[in-house]
PDB file of N, CA and C in Angstrom:
ATOM      1  N   VAL A   1       7.686  -0.886 -14.849  1.00  0.00           N
ATOM      2  CA  VAL A   1       7.279  -0.654 -16.058  1.00  0.00           C
ATOM      3  C   VAL A   1       7.638  -0.120 -16.801  1.00  0.00           C
ATOM      4  N   ILE A   2       8.048  -0.568 -18.128  1.00  0.00           N
ATOM      5  CA  ILE A   2       8.558   0.403 -19.321  1.00  0.00           C
ATOM      6  C   ILE A   2       6.997   0.463 -20.098  1.00  0.00           C
ATOM      7  N   GLN A   3       6.467   1.836 -20.044  1.00  0.00           N
ATOM      8  CA  GLN A   3       4.970   1.758 -20.998  1.00  0.00           C
ATOM      9  C   GLN A   3       5.569   2.298 -22.429  1.00  0.00           C
ATOM     10  N   LYS A   4       6.512   2.803 -22.598  1.00  0.00           N
ATOM     11  CA  LYS A   4       6.742   3.535 -23.848  1.00  0.00           C
ATOM     12  C   LYS A   4       8.225   2.856 -24.134  1.00  0.00           C
ATOM     13  N   LYS A   5       7.858   1.872 -24.808  1.00  0.00           N
ATOM     14  CA  LYS A   5       9.155   0.813 -25.392  1.00  0.00           C
ATOM     15  C   LYS A   5      10.026   1.592 -26.492  1.00  0.00           C
ATOM     16  N   MET A   6      10.938   1.917 -26.123  1.00  0.00           N
ATOM     17  CA  MET A   6      11.968   2.723 -27.228  1.00  0.00           C
ATOM     18  C   MET A   6      13.273   2.039 -27.849  1.00  0.00           C
ATOM     19  N   HIS A   7      13.536   0.652 -27.144  1.00  0.00           N
ATOM     20  CA  HIS A   7      14.513  -0.259 -27.313  1.00  0.00           C
ATOM     21  C   HIS A   7      13.988  -1.467 -27.466  1.00  0.00           C
ATOM     22  N   LYS A   8      14.695  -2.255 -28.353  1.00  0.00           N
ATOM     23  CA  LYS A   8      14.452  -3.773 -27.945  1.00  0.00           C
ATOM     24  C   LYS A   8      14.680  -4.271 -26.475  1.00  0.00           C
ATOM     25  N   LEU A   9      15.768  -3.529 -26.074  1.00  0.00           N
ATOM     26  CA  LEU A   9      16.196  -3.849 -24.686  1.00  0.00           C
ATOM     27  C   LEU A   9      14.937  -3.518 -23.661  1.00  0.00           C
ATOM     28  N   ASP A  10      14.150  -2.830 -23.905  1.00  0.00           N
ATOM     29  CA  ASP A  10      13.117  -2.293 -23.216  1.00  0.00           C
ATOM     30  C   ASP A  10      11.719  -3.378 -23.220  1.00  0.00           C
ATOM     31  N   ALA A  11      11.890  -3.679 -24.569  1.00  0.00           N
ATOM     32  CA  ALA A  11      10.901  -4.956 -24.630  1.00  0.00           C
ATOM     33  C   ALA A  11      11.315  -6.289 -23.969  1.00  0.00           C
ATOM     34  N   MET A  12      12.591  -6.433 -24.082  1.00  0.00           N
ATOM     35  CA  MET A  12      13.037  -7.738 -23.282  1.00  0.00           C
ATOM     36  C   MET A  12      12.921  -7.517 -21.843  1.00  0.00           C
ATOM     37  N   MET A  13      13.042  -6.259 -21.202  1.00  0.00           N
ATOM     38  CA  MET A  13      12.939  -6.246 -20.342  1.00  0.00           C
ATOM     39  C   MET A  13      11.790  -6.432 -19.445  1.00  0.00           C
ATOM     40  N   MET A  14      10.686  -5.903 -20.414  1.00  0.00           N
ATOM     41  CA  MET A  14       9.133  -6.315 -19.695  1.00  0.00           C
ATOM     42  C   MET A  14       8.531  -7.905 -19.930  1.00  0.00           C
ATOM     43  N   THR A  15       9.432  -8.524 -20.624  1.00  0.00           N
ATOM     44  CA  THR A  15       8.875  -9.630 -20.915  1.00  0.00           C
ATOM     45  C   THR A  15       9.485 -10.636 -19.633  1.00  0.00           C
ATOM     46  N   ASN A  16      10.870 -10.076 -19.258  1.00  0.00           N
ATOM     47  CA  ASN A  16      11.102 -10.569 -18.057  1.00  0.00           C
ATOM     48  C   ASN A  16      10.682 -10.042 -16.849  1.00  0.00           C
ATOM     49  N   VAL A  17       9.833  -8.895 -16.745  1.00  0.00           N
ATOM     50  CA  VAL A  17       8.985  -8.369 -15.611  1.00  0.00           C
ATOM     51  C   VAL A  17       7.960  -9.306 -15.743  1.00  0.00           C
ATOM     52  N   ARG A  18       7.074  -9.447 -16.459  1.00  0.00           N
ATOM     53  CA  ARG A  18       5.923 -10.278 -16.753  1.00  0.00           C
ATOM     54  C   ARG A  18       6.277 -12.035 -16.414  1.00  0.00           C
ATOM     55  N   THR A  19       7.295 -12.495 -16.969  1.00  0.00           N
ATOM     56  CA  THR A  19       7.639 -13.967 -16.294  1.00  0.00           C
ATOM     57  C   THR A  19       7.910 -14.144 -14.747  1.00  0.00           C
ATOM     58  N   ALA A  20       8.682 -12.887 -14.200  1.00  0.00           N
ATOM     59  CA  ALA A  20       9.089 -12.958 -13.039  1.00  0.00           C
ATOM     60  C   ALA A  20       7.602 -12.846 -12.254  1.00  0.00           C
ATOM     61  N   ALA A  21       6.900 -12.099 -12.650  1.00  0.00           N
ATOM     62  CA  ALA A  21       5.415 -11.865 -11.733  1.00  0.00           C
ATOM     63  C   ALA A  21       4.907 -13.148 -11.654  1.00  0.00           C
ATOM     64  N   ILE A  22       4.990 -13.758 -12.453  1.00  0.00           N
ATOM     65  CA  ILE A  22       4.143 -15.227 -12.307  1.00  0.00           C
ATOM     66  C   ILE A  22       4.626 -15.981 -11.069  1.00  0.00           C
ATOM     67  N   ASN A  23       5.597 -15.860 -11.026  1.00  0.00           N
ATOM     68  CA  ASN A  23       6.597 -16.696  -9.960  1.00  0.00           C
ATOM     69  C   ASN A  23       6.800 -16.203  -8.575  1.00  0.00           C
ATOM     70  N   ALA A  24       6.586 -14.828  -8.749  1.00  0.00           N
ATOM     71  CA  ALA A  24       6.854 -13.789  -7.346  1.00  0.00           C
ATOM     72  C   ALA A  24       5.616 -14.306  -6.149  1.00  0.00           C
ATOM     73  N   ASP A  25       6.278 -13.935  -5.080  1.00  0.00           N
ATOM     74  CA  ASP A  25       5.531 -14.039  -3.847  1.00  0.00           C
ATOM     75  C   ASP A  25       4.980 -12.813  -3.689  1.00  0.00           C
ATOM     76  N   CYS A  26       5.084 -11.507  -4.124  1.00  0.00           N
ATOM     77  CA  CYS A  26       4.350 -10.417  -4.039  1.00  0.00           C
ATOM     78  C   CYS A  26       5.227  -9.664  -5.234  1.00  0.00           C
ATOM     79  N   ILE A  27       4.103  -8.645  -5.307  1.00  0.00           N
ATOM     80  CA  ILE A  27       4.586  -7.432  -6.750  1.00  0.00           C
ATOM     81  C   ILE A  27       4.790  -6.135  -5.940  1.00  0.00           C
ATOM     82  N   LEU A  28       5.694  -5.625  -6.171  1.00  0.00           N
ATOM     83  CA  LEU A  28       6.107  -4.341  -5.818  1.00  0.00           C
ATOM     84  C   LEU A  28       5.385  -3.355  -7.505  1.00  0.00           C
ATOM     85  N   ILE A  29       4.316  -2.414  -7.369  1.00  0.00           N
ATOM     86  CA  ILE A  29       4.544  -1.452  -8.163  1.00  0.00           C
ATOM     87  C   ILE A  29       4.368  -0.316  -7.977  1.00  0.00           C
ATOM     88  N   VAL A  30       5.393   0.628  -8.609  1.00  0.00           N
ATOM     89  CA  VAL A  30       5.530   1.818  -8.523  1.00  0.00           C
ATOM     90  C   VAL A  30       4.861   2.834  -9.568  1.00  0.00           C
ATOM     91  N   ILE A  31       3.935   3.568  -9.279  1.00  0.00           N
ATOM     92  CA  ILE A  31       2.982   4.255 -10.064  1.00  0.00           C
ATOM     93  C   ILE A  31       3.600   5.783 -10.009  1.00  0.00           C
ATOM     94  N   ASP A  32       3.463   6.497 -11.496  1.00  0.00           N
ATOM     95  CA  ASP A  32       3.773   7.879 -11.434  1.00  0.00           C
ATOM     96  C   ASP A  32       2.677   8.540 -11.175  1.00  0.00           C
ATOM     97  N   VAL A  33       1.874   9.092 -10.035  1.00  0.00           N
ATOM     98  CA  VAL A  33       0.605   9.249  -9.616  1.00  0.00           C
ATOM     99  C   VAL A  33       0.333  10.526 -10.648  1.00  0.00           C
ATOM    100  N   CYS A  34       1.175  11.240 -11.225  1.00  0.00           N
ATOM    101  CA  CYS A  34       0.909  12.624 -12.064  1.00  0.00           C
ATOM    102  C   CYS A  34       0.417  12.046 -13.397  1.00  0.00           C
ATOM    103  N   LYS A  35       0.328  10.968 -13.971  1.00  0.00           N
ATOM    104  CA  LYS A  35      -0.363   9.869 -14.977  1.00  0.00           C
ATOM    105  C   LYS A  35      -1.423   9.692 -14.850  1.00  0.00           C
ATOM    106  N   VAL A  36      -2.336   9.596 -15.937  1.00  0.00           N
ATOM    107  CA  VAL A  36      -3.536   9.363 -15.725  1.00  0.00           C
ATOM    108  C   VAL A  36      -3.995   7.751 -15.342  1.00  0.00           C
ATOM    109  N   PRO A  37      -4.886   7.409 -14.187  1.00  0.00           N
ATOM    110  CA  PRO A  37      -4.653   6.084 -13.768  1.00  0.00           C
ATOM    111  C   PRO A  37      -4.984   4.957 -14.857  1.00  0.00           C
ATOM    112  N   GLU A  38      -4.247   3.776 -14.373  1.00  0.00           N
ATOM    113  CA  GLU A  38      -4.389   2.501 -15.394  1.00  0.00           C
ATOM    114  C   GLU A  38      -4.750   1.466 -14.496  1.00  0.00           C
ATOM    115  N   LYS A  39      -5.595   0.677 -15.214  1.00  0.00           N
ATOM    116  CA  LYS A  39      -6.037  -0.726 -14.492  1.00  0.00           C
ATOM    117  C   LYS A  39      -4.397  -1.453 -14.351  1.00  0.00           C
ATOM    118  N   VAL A  40      -4.366  -2.247 -13.326  1.00  0.00           N
ATOM    119  CA  VAL A  40      -3.116  -2.813 -12.991  1.00  0.00           C
ATOM    120  C   VAL A  40      -2.552  -3.480 -14.015  1.00  0.00           C
ATOM    121  N   ASP A  41      -3.824  -4.676 -14.278  1.00  0.00           N
ATOM    122  CA  ASP A  41      -3.265  -5.601 -15.465  1.00  0.00           C
ATOM    123  C   ASP A  41      -2.794  -4.999 -16.594  1.00  0.00           C
ATOM    124  N   ASP A  42      -3.437  -3.744 -16.935  1.00  0.00           N
ATOM    125  CA  ASP A  42      -3.047  -3.274 -18.355  1.00  0.00           C
ATOM    126  C   ASP A  42      -1.571  -2.947 -18.313  1.00  0.00           C
ATOM    127  N   ILE A  43      -1.105  -2.275 -17.088  1.00  0.00           N
ATOM    128  CA  ILE A  43       0.153  -1.779 -16.928  1.00  0.00           C
ATOM    129  C   ILE A  43       0.825  -2.799 -16.832  1.00  0.00           C
ATOM    130  N   MET A  44       0.788  -4.034 -16.438  1.00  0.00           N
ATOM    131  CA  MET A  44       1.322  -5.309 -16.518  1.00  0.00           C
ATOM    132  C   MET A  44       1.498  -6.189 -17.761  1.00  0.00           C
ATOM    133  N   GLU A  45       0.355  -5.500 -18.555  1.00  0.00           N
ATOM    134  CA  GLU A  45       0.363  -6.309 -19.925  1.00  0.00           C
ATOM    135  C   GLU A  45      -0.126  -7.447 -19.497  1.00  0.00           C
ATOM    136  N   GLY A  46      -0.877  -7.895 -18.977  1.00  0.00           N
ATOM    137  CA  GLY A  46      -1.297  -8.960 -18.756  1.00  0.00           C
ATOM    138  C   GLY A  46      -0.520 -10.452 -18.356  1.00  0.00           C
ATOM    139  N   GLY A  47       0.575  -9.409 -17.285  1.00  0.00           N
ATOM    140  CA  GLY A  47       1.500 -10.360 -16.667  1.00  0.00           C
ATOM    141  C   GLY A  47       1.179 -11.384 -15.690  1.00  0.00           C
ATOM    142  N   THR A  48      -0.154 -10.988 -15.119  1.00  0.00           N
ATOM    143  CA  THR A  48      -0.563 -11.718 -14.247  1.00  0.00           C
ATOM    144  C   THR A  48      -1.778 -12.170 -14.521  1.00  0.00           C
ATOM    145  N   SER A  49      -2.296 -12.232 -15.588  1.00  0.00           N
ATOM    146  CA  SER A  49      -3.880 -12.536 -16.149  1.00  0.00           C
ATOM    147  C   SER A  49      -3.940 -14.068 -16.031  1.00  0.00           C
ATOM    148  N   ASN A  50      -2.993 -14.747 -16.106  1.00  0.00           N
ATOM    149  CA  ASN A  50      -3.055 -16.443 -16.411  1.00  0.00           C
ATOM    150  C   ASN A  50      -3.003 -16.813 -15.301  1.00  0.00           C
ATOM    151  N   VAL A  51      -2.133 -16.129 -14.201  1.00  0.00           N
ATOM    152  CA  VAL A  51      -1.881 -16.707 -12.732  1.00  0.00           C
ATOM    153  C   VAL A  51      -3.283 -16.971 -12.346  1.00  0.00           C
ATOM    154  N   LYS A  52      -3.917 -18.046 -11.740  1.00  0.00           N
ATOM    155  CA  LYS A  52      -4.656 -18.843 -11.010  1.00  0.00           C
ATOM    156  C   LYS A  52      -4.945 -17.967  -9.697  1.00  0.00           C
ATOM    157  N   GLU A  53      -3.644 -18.172  -8.850  1.00  0.00           N
ATOM    158  CA  GLU A  53      -4.046 -17.260  -7.556  1.00  0.00           C
ATOM    159  C   GLU A  53      -2.892 -16.142  -7.840  1.00  0.00           C
ATOM    160  N   LYS A  54      -3.386 -14.922  -7.977  1.00  0.00           N
ATOM    161  CA  LYS A  54      -2.274 -13.592  -8.011  1.00  0.00           C
ATOM    162  C   LYS A  54      -1.722 -13.063  -6.582  1.00  0.00           C
ATOM    163  N   PRO A  55      -0.093 -13.363  -7.031  1.00  0.00           N
ATOM    164  CA  PRO A  55       0.227 -12.777  -5.905  1.00  0.00           C
ATOM    165  C   PRO A  55      -0.261 -11.405  -5.128  1.00  0.00           C
ATOM    166  N   PRO A  56      -0.036 -11.179  -3.651  1.00  0.00           N
ATOM    167  CA  PRO A  56      -0.141 -10.085  -3.055  1.00  0.00           C
ATOM    168  C   PRO A  56       0.838  -8.711  -4.076  1.00  0.00           C
ATOM    169  N   MET A  57      -0.206  -7.721  -4.032  1.00  0.00           N
ATOM    170  CA  MET A  57       0.527  -6.329  -4.449  1.00  0.00           C
ATOM    171  C   MET A  57       0.518  -5.489  -4.033  1.00  0.00           C
ATOM    172  N   LEU A  58       1.621  -4.402  -3.595  1.00  0.00           N
ATOM    173  CA  LEU A  58       2.047  -3.470  -3.069  1.00  0.00           C
ATOM    174  C   LEU A  58       1.718  -2.258  -4.145  1.00  0.00           C
ATOM    175  N   LEU A  59       1.209  -1.508  -3.632  1.00  0.00           N
ATOM    176  CA  LEU A  59       1.368  -0.046  -4.998  1.00  0.00           C
ATOM    177  C   LEU A  59       1.514   0.855  -4.154  1.00  0.00           C
ATOM    178  N   VAL A  60       2.716   1.801  -4.848  1.00  0.00           N
ATOM    179  CA  VAL A  60       3.490   2.827  -4.173  1.00  0.00           C
ATOM    180  C   VAL A  60       3.301   3.972  -5.271  1.00  0.00           C
ATOM    181  N   LEU A  61       2.499   5.063  -4.537  1.00  0.00           N
ATOM    182  CA  LEU A  61       2.106   6.261  -5.574  1.00  0.00           C
ATOM    183  C   LEU A  61       3.388   7.025  -5.420  1.00  0.00           C
ATOM    184  N   ASN A  62       4.222   7.463  -6.185  1.00  0.00           N
ATOM    185  CA  ASN A  62       5.111   7.895  -6.861  1.00  0.00           C
ATOM    186  C   ASN A  62       4.763   9.410  -7.079  1.00  0.00           C
ATOM    187  N   LYS A  63       5.480  10.673  -6.629  1.00  0.00           N
ATOM    188  CA  LYS A  63       5.497  11.921  -7.027  1.00  0.00           C
ATOM    189  C   LYS A  63       4.140  12.666  -6.792  1.00  0.00           C
ATOM    190  N   LYS A  64       3.770  11.924  -5.304  1.00  0.00           N
ATOM    191  CA  LYS A  64       2.275  12.877  -5.113  1.00  0.00           C
ATOM    192  C   LYS A  64       2.622  13.947  -4.404  1.00  0.00           C
ATOM    193  N   ASP A  65       3.749  14.723  -4.469  1.00  0.00           N
ATOM    194  CA  ASP A  65       3.917  15.858  -3.834  1.00  0.00           C
ATOM    195  C   ASP A  65       3.731  16.777  -4.950  1.00  0.00           C
ATOM    196  N   LEU A  66       3.469  16.298  -6.367  1.00  0.00           N
ATOM    197  CA  LEU A  66       3.175  16.728  -7.313  1.00  0.00           C
ATOM    198  C   LEU A  66       1.716  17.237  -7.878  1.00  0.00           C
ATOM    199  N   ILE A  67       1.061  16.603  -7.479  1.00  0.00           N
ATOM    200  CA  ILE A  67      -0.477  16.933  -7.326  1.00  0.00           C
ATOM    201  C   ILE A  67      -1.369  17.491  -6.317  1.00  0.00           C
ATOM    202  N   LYS A  68      -2.568  18.043  -6.532  1.00  0.00           N
ATOM    203  CA  LYS A  68      -3.456  18.764  -5.720  1.00  0.00           C
ATOM    204  C   LYS A  68      -3.704  17.540  -4.418  1.00  0.00           C
ATOM    205  N   PRO A  69      -3.668  18.042  -3.120  1.00  0.00           N
ATOM    206  CA  PRO A  69      -4.154  17.072  -1.975  1.00  0.00           C
ATOM    207  C   PRO A  69      -5.148  16.753  -2.173  1.00  0.00           C
ATOM    208  N   GLY A  70      -6.313  17.092  -2.454  1.00  0.00           N
ATOM    209  CA  GLY A  70      -7.777  16.273  -2.985  1.00  0.00           C
ATOM    210  C   GLY A  70      -7.489  15.141  -4.094  1.00  0.00           C
ATOM    211  N   GLU A  71      -6.254  15.347  -4.743  1.00  0.00           N
ATOM    212  CA  GLU A  71      -6.639  14.268  -6.046  1.00  0.00           C
ATOM    213  C   GLU A  71      -5.825  13.193  -5.542  1.00  0.00           C
ATOM    214  N   ILE A  72      -5.121  13.101  -4.541  1.00  0.00           N
ATOM    215  CA  ILE A  72      -4.357  11.922  -4.058  1.00  0.00           C
ATOM    216  C   ILE A  72      -5.632  10.686  -3.353  1.00  0.00           C
ATOM    217  N   SER A  73      -6.508  11.165  -2.908  1.00  0.00           N
ATOM    218  CA  SER A  73      -7.215  10.455  -2.335  1.00  0.00           C
ATOM    219  C   SER A  73      -8.519   9.665  -3.407  1.00  0.00           C
ATOM    220  N   LYS A  74      -8.547  10.479  -4.591  1.00  0.00           N
ATOM    221  CA  LYS A  74      -9.475  10.052  -5.965  1.00  0.00           C
ATOM    222  C   LYS A  74      -8.366   9.171  -6.235  1.00  0.00           C
ATOM    223  N   ARG A  75      -7.195   8.843  -6.651  1.00  0.00           N
ATOM    224  CA  ARG A  75      -6.351   8.269  -7.045  1.00  0.00           C
ATOM    225  C   ARG A  75      -6.074   6.869  -6.564  1.00  0.00           C
ATOM    226  N   ILE A  76      -6.237   7.026  -4.977  1.00  0.00           N
ATOM    227  CA  ILE A  76      -6.023   5.664  -4.437  1.00  0.00           C
ATOM    228  C   ILE A  76      -7.297   5.061  -4.483  1.00  0.00           C
ATOM    229  N   GLU A  77      -8.460   5.765  -4.274  1.00  0.00           N
ATOM    230  CA  GLU A  77      -9.763   4.808  -4.399  1.00  0.00           C
ATOM    231  C   GLU A  77      -9.710   4.163  -5.693  1.00  0.00           C
ATOM    232  N   TRP A  78      -9.395   4.793  -6.748  1.00  0.00           N
ATOM    233  CA  TRP A  78      -9.192   4.221  -8.097  1.00  0.00           C
ATOM    234  C   TRP A  78      -8.548   3.271  -8.255  1.00  0.00           C
ATOM    235  N   TYR A  79      -7.590   3.057  -8.175  1.00  0.00           N
ATOM    236  CA  TYR A  79      -6.714   1.627  -7.759  1.00  0.00           C
ATOM    237  C   TYR A  79      -6.956   0.760  -7.022  1.00  0.00           C
ATOM    238  N   GLU A  80      -7.493   1.290  -5.372  1.00  0.00           N
ATOM    239  CA  GLU A  80      -8.089   0.404  -4.718  1.00  0.00           C
ATOM    240  C   GLU A  80      -8.951  -0.843  -5.431  1.00  0.00           C
ATOM    241  N   LYS A  81     -10.080   0.021  -6.344  1.00  0.00           N
ATOM    242  CA  LYS A  81     -10.993  -0.823  -7.358  1.00  0.00           C
ATOM    243  C   LYS A  81     -10.162  -1.682  -8.323  1.00  0.00           C
ATOM    244  N   LEU A  82      -9.285  -1.422  -8.732  1.00  0.00           N
ATOM    245  CA  LEU A  82      -8.960  -2.116 -10.054  1.00  0.00           C
ATOM    246  C   LEU A  82      -7.625  -2.844  -9.566  1.00  0.00           C
ATOM    247  N   VAL A  83      -7.269  -2.977  -8.016  1.00  0.00           N
ATOM    248  CA  VAL A  83      -5.682  -4.211  -7.846  1.00  0.00           C
ATOM    249  C   VAL A  83      -6.421  -5.313  -7.677  1.00  0.00           C
TER     250      VAL A  83
END
């Protein structure tokens, strides 16, 4: 997911991500754990909000070596509530 769209290509790629999410068997979401946690639907910008039955999601927390050991469990709890 490209959060800061710098070019038209970035916006077009995000449109394709949302379209693909609707027809996906599962969704792999890689999140930068150093950034403030966000609701997964907000990250996808509503990409799966119109789907009656959401596909299973696998959340990957990237860069976990850059945060304090106690913080990772807080981030995991936060995302478990919002996925």
